[in-house]
Protein backbone atom coordinates (compact mmCIF):
# COMPACT_ATOMS: atom_id res chain seq x y z
CA MET A 1 0.00 0.00 0.00
CA ILE A 2 1.27 3.47 -0.91
CA LEU A 3 0.23 6.20 1.51
CA ALA A 4 0.72 9.89 0.77
CA HIS A 5 0.35 12.87 3.06
CA TYR A 6 -1.55 15.91 1.79
CA TYR A 7 1.75 17.83 1.77
CA GLN A 8 3.40 15.57 -0.79
CA GLU A 9 3.81 16.79 -4.36
CA GLY A 10 0.78 16.24 -6.57
CA ALA A 11 2.42 13.52 -8.66
CA ILE A 12 2.93 11.33 -5.56
CA GLN A 13 -0.62 11.98 -4.35
CA ASP A 14 -1.89 10.84 -7.74
CA ILE A 15 -0.35 7.36 -7.44
CA ALA A 16 -1.16 6.79 -3.77
CA ASP A 17 -3.68 4.20 -2.58
CA PHE A 18 -4.74 6.56 0.19
CA ILE A 19 -4.18 10.26 0.88
CA GLY A 20 -4.67 11.88 4.27
CA ASP A 21 -3.11 13.54 7.29
CA SER A 22 -0.60 11.76 9.49
CA LEU A 23 -3.01 9.98 11.84
CA GLU A 24 -5.41 8.96 9.06
CA LEU A 25 -2.50 7.44 7.18
CA SER A 26 -1.24 5.51 10.20
CA ARG A 27 -4.74 4.14 10.76
CA GLN A 28 -4.82 3.02 7.13
CA ALA A 29 -1.45 1.34 7.64
CA ALA A 30 -2.73 -0.48 10.72
CA GLY A 31 -5.94 -1.58 9.03
CA THR A 32 -4.61 -2.86 5.72
CA ASP A 33 -3.82 -6.48 4.87
CA ALA A 34 -0.82 -5.29 2.87
CA GLU A 35 2.49 -6.55 4.26
CA VAL A 36 4.45 -3.55 2.93
CA ILE A 37 3.57 0.08 3.55
CA VAL A 38 5.28 2.85 1.57
CA PHE A 39 4.75 5.97 3.66
CA CYS A 40 5.20 9.09 1.54
CA GLY A 41 5.53 11.65 4.27
CA VAL A 42 8.15 12.49 6.86
CA HIS A 43 10.03 10.30 9.32
CA PHE A 44 7.84 10.71 12.41
CA MET A 45 4.78 9.72 10.36
CA ALA A 46 6.39 6.51 9.15
CA GLU A 47 7.51 5.84 12.73
CA THR A 48 3.91 6.19 13.90
CA ALA A 49 2.80 3.66 11.30
CA LYS A 50 5.48 1.25 12.54
CA ILE A 51 4.43 1.82 16.16
CA LEU A 52 0.88 0.80 15.23
CA SER A 53 1.89 -1.97 12.79
CA PRO A 54 5.07 -3.65 14.07
CA ALA A 55 4.67 -6.80 11.96
CA LYS A 56 4.52 -4.85 8.69
CA THR A 57 7.40 -3.54 6.64
CA VAL A 58 7.15 0.26 6.71
CA LEU A 59 9.20 2.07 4.08
CA ILE A 60 9.86 5.76 3.51
CA PRO A 61 11.17 6.92 0.12
CA ASP A 62 13.83 9.18 1.66
CA LEU A 63 15.10 8.46 5.17
CA ASP A 64 16.26 12.07 5.44
CA ALA A 65 12.69 13.35 5.16
CA GLY A 66 12.58 14.70 8.69
CA CYS A 67 10.62 17.49 10.34
CA SER A 68 11.80 20.82 11.72
CA LEU A 69 9.25 20.60 14.52
CA ALA A 70 10.29 17.10 15.59
CA ASP A 71 13.99 18.00 15.26
CA ALA A 72 13.49 21.04 17.50
CA CYS A 73 12.39 18.77 20.34
CA PRO A 74 15.26 16.34 21.11
CA ALA A 75 14.27 13.53 23.47
CA ASP A 76 16.95 14.34 26.07
CA ALA A 77 16.02 18.04 26.20
CA PHE A 78 12.33 17.13 26.43
CA ALA A 79 13.12 14.78 29.32
CA ALA A 80 14.84 17.64 31.15
CA PHE A 81 11.82 19.88 30.45
CA ARG A 82 9.50 17.26 31.91
CA ALA A 83 11.75 16.85 34.95
CA GLU A 84 11.28 20.56 35.69
CA HIS A 85 7.50 19.99 35.84
CA PRO A 86 7.09 16.57 37.51
CA ASP A 87 3.44 17.12 38.47
CA HIS A 88 2.31 17.95 34.92
CA ILE A 89 0.44 15.74 32.46
CA THR A 90 2.50 15.61 29.26
CA VAL A 91 0.50 16.03 26.04
CA SER A 92 2.53 15.75 22.84
CA TYR A 93 1.42 16.66 19.35
CA ILE A 94 1.81 13.65 17.06
CA ASN A 95 4.42 15.62 15.07
CA CYS A 96 7.29 14.41 17.27
CA SER A 97 9.74 11.53 17.37
CA ALA A 98 8.97 8.10 18.79
CA ALA A 99 11.39 8.89 21.63
CA VAL A 100 9.31 11.93 22.62
CA LYS A 101 6.04 10.03 22.23
CA ALA A 102 7.47 7.42 24.60
CA GLN A 103 7.85 10.10 27.30
CA SER A 104 4.30 11.39 26.89
CA ASP A 105 1.11 10.66 28.78
CA LEU A 106 -1.09 11.46 25.81
CA ILE A 107 -0.64 12.07 22.08
CA CYS A 108 -2.91 14.44 20.18
CA THR A 109 -3.43 15.68 16.64
CA SER A 110 -4.38 19.15 15.47
CA SER A 111 -7.94 17.89 14.95
CA ASN A 112 -8.50 16.39 18.43
CA ALA A 113 -6.11 18.36 20.67
CA VAL A 114 -8.76 20.73 22.06
CA ALA A 115 -11.25 17.94 22.82
CA LEU A 116 -8.58 15.81 24.51
CA VAL A 117 -7.21 18.63 26.68
CA LYS A 118 -10.75 19.44 27.84
CA GLN A 119 -11.06 15.85 29.10
CA LEU A 120 -7.97 16.02 31.34
CA PRO A 121 -8.39 16.47 35.11
CA ALA A 122 -8.90 20.13 35.97
CA ASP A 123 -6.61 19.90 38.99
CA ARG A 124 -3.59 18.71 36.98
CA PRO A 125 -1.30 21.17 35.15
CA ILE A 126 -0.42 20.31 31.55
CA LEU A 127 2.79 20.36 29.51
CA PHE A 128 2.24 20.71 25.78
CA GLY A 129 4.80 20.16 23.05
CA PRO A 130 6.41 20.46 20.68
CA ASP A 131 4.45 23.15 18.75
CA GLN A 132 3.91 26.36 20.71
CA ASN A 133 1.60 27.90 18.10
CA LEU A 134 -0.74 24.91 18.21
CA GLY A 135 -0.42 24.95 22.01
CA ARG A 136 -1.50 28.59 22.24
CA TRP A 137 -4.50 27.88 20.04
CA VAL A 138 -5.45 24.82 22.13
CA GLN A 139 -5.09 26.93 25.26
CA SER A 140 -7.42 29.60 23.89
CA GLN A 141 -10.01 27.06 22.72
CA SER A 142 -9.95 24.79 25.78
CA GLY A 143 -9.66 27.34 28.56
CA ARG A 144 -6.79 25.35 30.08
CA GLU A 145 -3.44 26.92 30.87
CA LEU A 146 -0.61 25.02 29.17
CA THR A 147 3.13 25.09 29.76
CA LEU A 148 4.52 25.12 26.23
CA TRP A 149 7.65 23.63 24.71
CA PRO A 150 9.08 26.43 22.49
CA GLY A 151 8.96 24.65 19.13
CA SER A 152 7.40 25.55 15.79
CA CYS A 153 7.13 24.38 12.18
CA ILE A 154 9.30 26.26 9.68
CA VAL A 155 6.53 26.07 7.07
CA HIS A 156 3.86 27.65 9.24
CA GLU A 157 6.28 30.28 10.56
CA THR A 158 7.07 31.68 7.11
CA PHE A 159 3.71 32.98 5.90
CA SER A 160 3.68 36.69 5.15
CA GLU A 161 1.00 38.76 6.92
CA GLN A 162 1.46 41.47 4.31
CA ALA A 163 0.88 38.98 1.49
CA LEU A 164 -2.21 37.62 3.25
CA LEU A 165 -3.66 41.11 3.68
CA GLN A 166 -2.97 41.85 0.01
CA LEU A 167 -4.77 38.67 -1.05
CA LYS A 168 -7.72 39.57 1.19
CA LEU A 169 -7.82 43.02 -0.43
CA GLU A 170 -7.73 41.55 -3.94
CA HIS A 171 -10.24 38.78 -3.16
CA PRO A 172 -12.60 40.18 -0.48
CA GLN A 173 -15.09 37.31 -0.88
CA ALA A 174 -12.43 34.63 -0.33
CA GLU A 175 -12.57 32.67 2.92
CA VAL A 176 -9.26 32.38 4.81
CA LEU A 177 -8.48 28.82 5.95
CA ALA A 178 -5.62 28.38 8.44
CA HIS A 179 -3.87 25.52 10.19
CA PRO A 180 -3.48 26.10 13.95
CA GLU A 181 0.31 25.72 13.66
CA CYS A 182 0.32 29.24 12.14
CA GLN A 183 1.32 32.21 14.26
CA GLN A 184 -1.40 33.95 16.25
CA HIS A 185 -1.43 37.17 14.22
CA LEU A 186 -2.29 35.08 11.13
CA LEU A 187 -4.92 33.01 12.95
CA ASP A 188 -6.55 36.30 13.95
CA LEU A 189 -7.17 36.96 10.24
CA ALA A 190 -8.63 33.52 9.50
CA ASP A 191 -12.29 32.68 8.92
CA PHE A 192 -11.76 29.01 9.73
CA ILE A 193 -9.00 27.22 11.69
CA GLY A 194 -8.52 23.47 11.60
CA SER A 195 -6.40 20.45 10.80
CA THR A 196 -5.36 19.70 7.23
CA SER A 197 -8.30 17.33 6.75
CA ALA A 198 -10.65 19.85 8.35
CA LEU A 199 -9.51 22.55 5.92
CA LEU A 200 -10.25 20.24 3.01
CA ARG A 201 -13.71 19.43 4.38
CA ARG A 202 -14.43 23.10 5.05
CA SER A 203 -13.57 24.10 1.50
CA GLY A 204 -16.22 21.67 0.28
CA ALA A 205 -18.88 22.55 2.86
CA SER A 206 -18.51 26.33 2.64
CA SER A 207 -20.69 28.40 0.33
CA ALA A 208 -17.60 30.46 -0.58
CA SER A 209 -16.25 30.00 -4.09
CA SER A 210 -12.67 31.06 -3.32
CA PHE A 211 -10.24 30.41 -0.48
CA ILE A 212 -6.92 31.72 0.78
CA VAL A 213 -5.10 28.76 2.34
CA LEU A 214 -2.59 29.12 5.18
CA THR A 215 -0.88 25.75 5.31
CA GLU A 216 1.59 23.72 3.24
CA PRO A 217 0.47 24.15 -0.39
CA GLY A 218 0.42 20.42 -1.16
CA ILE A 219 -3.16 20.34 0.16
CA LEU A 220 -4.24 22.64 -2.69
CA HIS A 221 -3.74 19.72 -5.10
CA GLN A 222 -6.57 17.79 -3.42
CA MET A 223 -8.71 20.89 -3.01
CA ARG A 224 -8.48 21.63 -6.73
CA LEU A 225 -9.09 18.00 -7.72
CA GLN A 226 -12.13 17.61 -5.48
CA LEU A 227 -13.55 21.09 -6.05
CA PRO A 228 -12.69 22.13 -9.62
CA GLY A 229 -15.32 24.86 -9.58
CA LYS A 230 -13.67 26.70 -6.69
CA THR A 231 -10.51 28.83 -6.59
CA PHE A 232 -7.66 28.42 -4.12
CA PHE A 233 -4.82 30.83 -3.36
CA GLU A 234 -1.66 29.98 -1.49
CA VAL A 235 0.05 32.60 0.67
CA PRO A 236 3.73 33.22 -0.11
CA GLY A 237 6.49 33.43 2.45
CA ALA A 238 7.68 36.59 4.15
CA ASP A 239 10.19 37.30 1.37
CA GLY A 240 7.77 36.44 -1.42
CA CYS A 241 9.40 33.01 -1.61
CA SER A 242 7.91 29.54 -1.89
CA CYS A 243 9.37 28.53 1.47
CA ASN A 244 5.93 27.51 2.69
CA ALA A 245 6.51 24.29 0.70
CA CYS A 246 7.99 21.86 3.23
CA PRO A 247 11.54 21.00 2.10
CA TYR A 248 11.44 17.71 4.02
CA MET A 249 8.19 16.54 2.44
CA ARG A 250 9.59 17.39 -0.99
CA LEU A 251 12.60 15.09 -0.49
CA ASN A 252 10.29 12.27 -1.50
CA THR A 253 10.03 11.93 -5.29
CA LEU A 254 8.38 9.52 -7.71
CA GLU A 255 11.79 8.05 -8.52
CA LYS A 256 12.48 7.39 -4.83
CA VAL A 257 9.03 5.80 -4.42
CA TRP A 258 9.83 3.47 -7.32
CA HIS A 259 13.26 2.68 -5.86
CA CYS A 260 11.94 1.78 -2.41
CA LEU A 261 9.26 -0.43 -3.95
CA GLU A 262 11.95 -2.23 -5.92
CA THR A 263 14.43 -2.62 -3.04
CA LEU A 264 12.05 -2.64 -0.03
CA SER A 265 14.27 -0.03 1.59
CA PRO A 266 14.83 2.17 3.48
CA ALA A 267 12.72 0.58 6.20
CA ILE A 268 11.71 2.01 9.57
CA GLU A 269 13.00 -0.02 12.51
CA LEU A 270 12.16 0.58 16.18
CA GLU A 271 13.46 -1.05 19.35
CA GLU A 272 10.52 -2.96 20.83
CA GLN A 273 10.47 -1.35 24.28
CA LEU A 274 10.57 2.11 22.71
CA ARG A 275 7.74 1.12 20.40
CA LEU A 276 5.61 -0.12 23.30
CA ASN A 277 6.31 3.02 25.35
CA ALA A 278 5.32 5.20 22.38
CA LEU A 279 2.25 3.08 21.65
CA ALA A 280 0.67 3.59 25.10
CA PRO A 281 -0.10 7.36 24.75
CA ILE A 282 -1.31 6.82 21.17
CA GLN A 283 -3.72 4.13 22.37
CA LYS A 284 -4.89 6.49 25.12
CA MET A 285 -5.59 9.14 22.48
CA LEU A 286 -7.58 6.69 20.38
CA ALA A 287 -9.58 5.55 23.41
CA MET A 288 -10.35 9.15 24.45
CA SER A 289 -11.33 10.03 20.86
CA ALA A 290 -13.77 7.15 20.47
């Protein structure tokens, strides 16, 4: 089975058996009868698939397809952060390494983070990592005070407020869709905030005919395929660049997908105790989301 994240280039999305966000893809990996999973995304996503499906071969086209957010939260530094707050419940966004997941009490996604945090005991303080922008949004939506790990995604940090305002001026009827990993001053200008999948659903459900999209532009491929009668605008980076395209996601190419299918490599391998430790907070998330 070939799985592709919404942030992959359009050509890879077009050959995938299933397209989705990171958790949807891992659930597909766990539910399939296929013995080999080619995960076209970044490293932590393929790790999550392996955590959920240890008996399957999980491949990633480019082993160097990492994540700035996950890299900005090393497991040893996160352990020290947790040690400074021993009474806190640790909630980690799924965009982190298996080693950080293994230290967490609960994993969340951008789509369920608010609902999960609201379910936690009111008398327990909460640590949230690794994305501080998502954490601030969860804090505002849940009413819970969170102690935030100071991490962020390079893609969602690069959007230009000036460019967004110019697009709003040029297209006043366009609805602004934003991922909660964006900075607060951009979220303040959004009409709708949600996970990647939620943005796609919103674009279909909304009566608007045009949208300004504040997330990695790979999702626009699916938006345009599914809604050919609507118009979608991406927001450039602060310097007018295309740096809102994730450089790690784009390390995967069609040629590398073909190569890993041919060679069954590179494969994701996890030490079993680490896998089990990382699995526990994921299972807790799934149970709380049921």
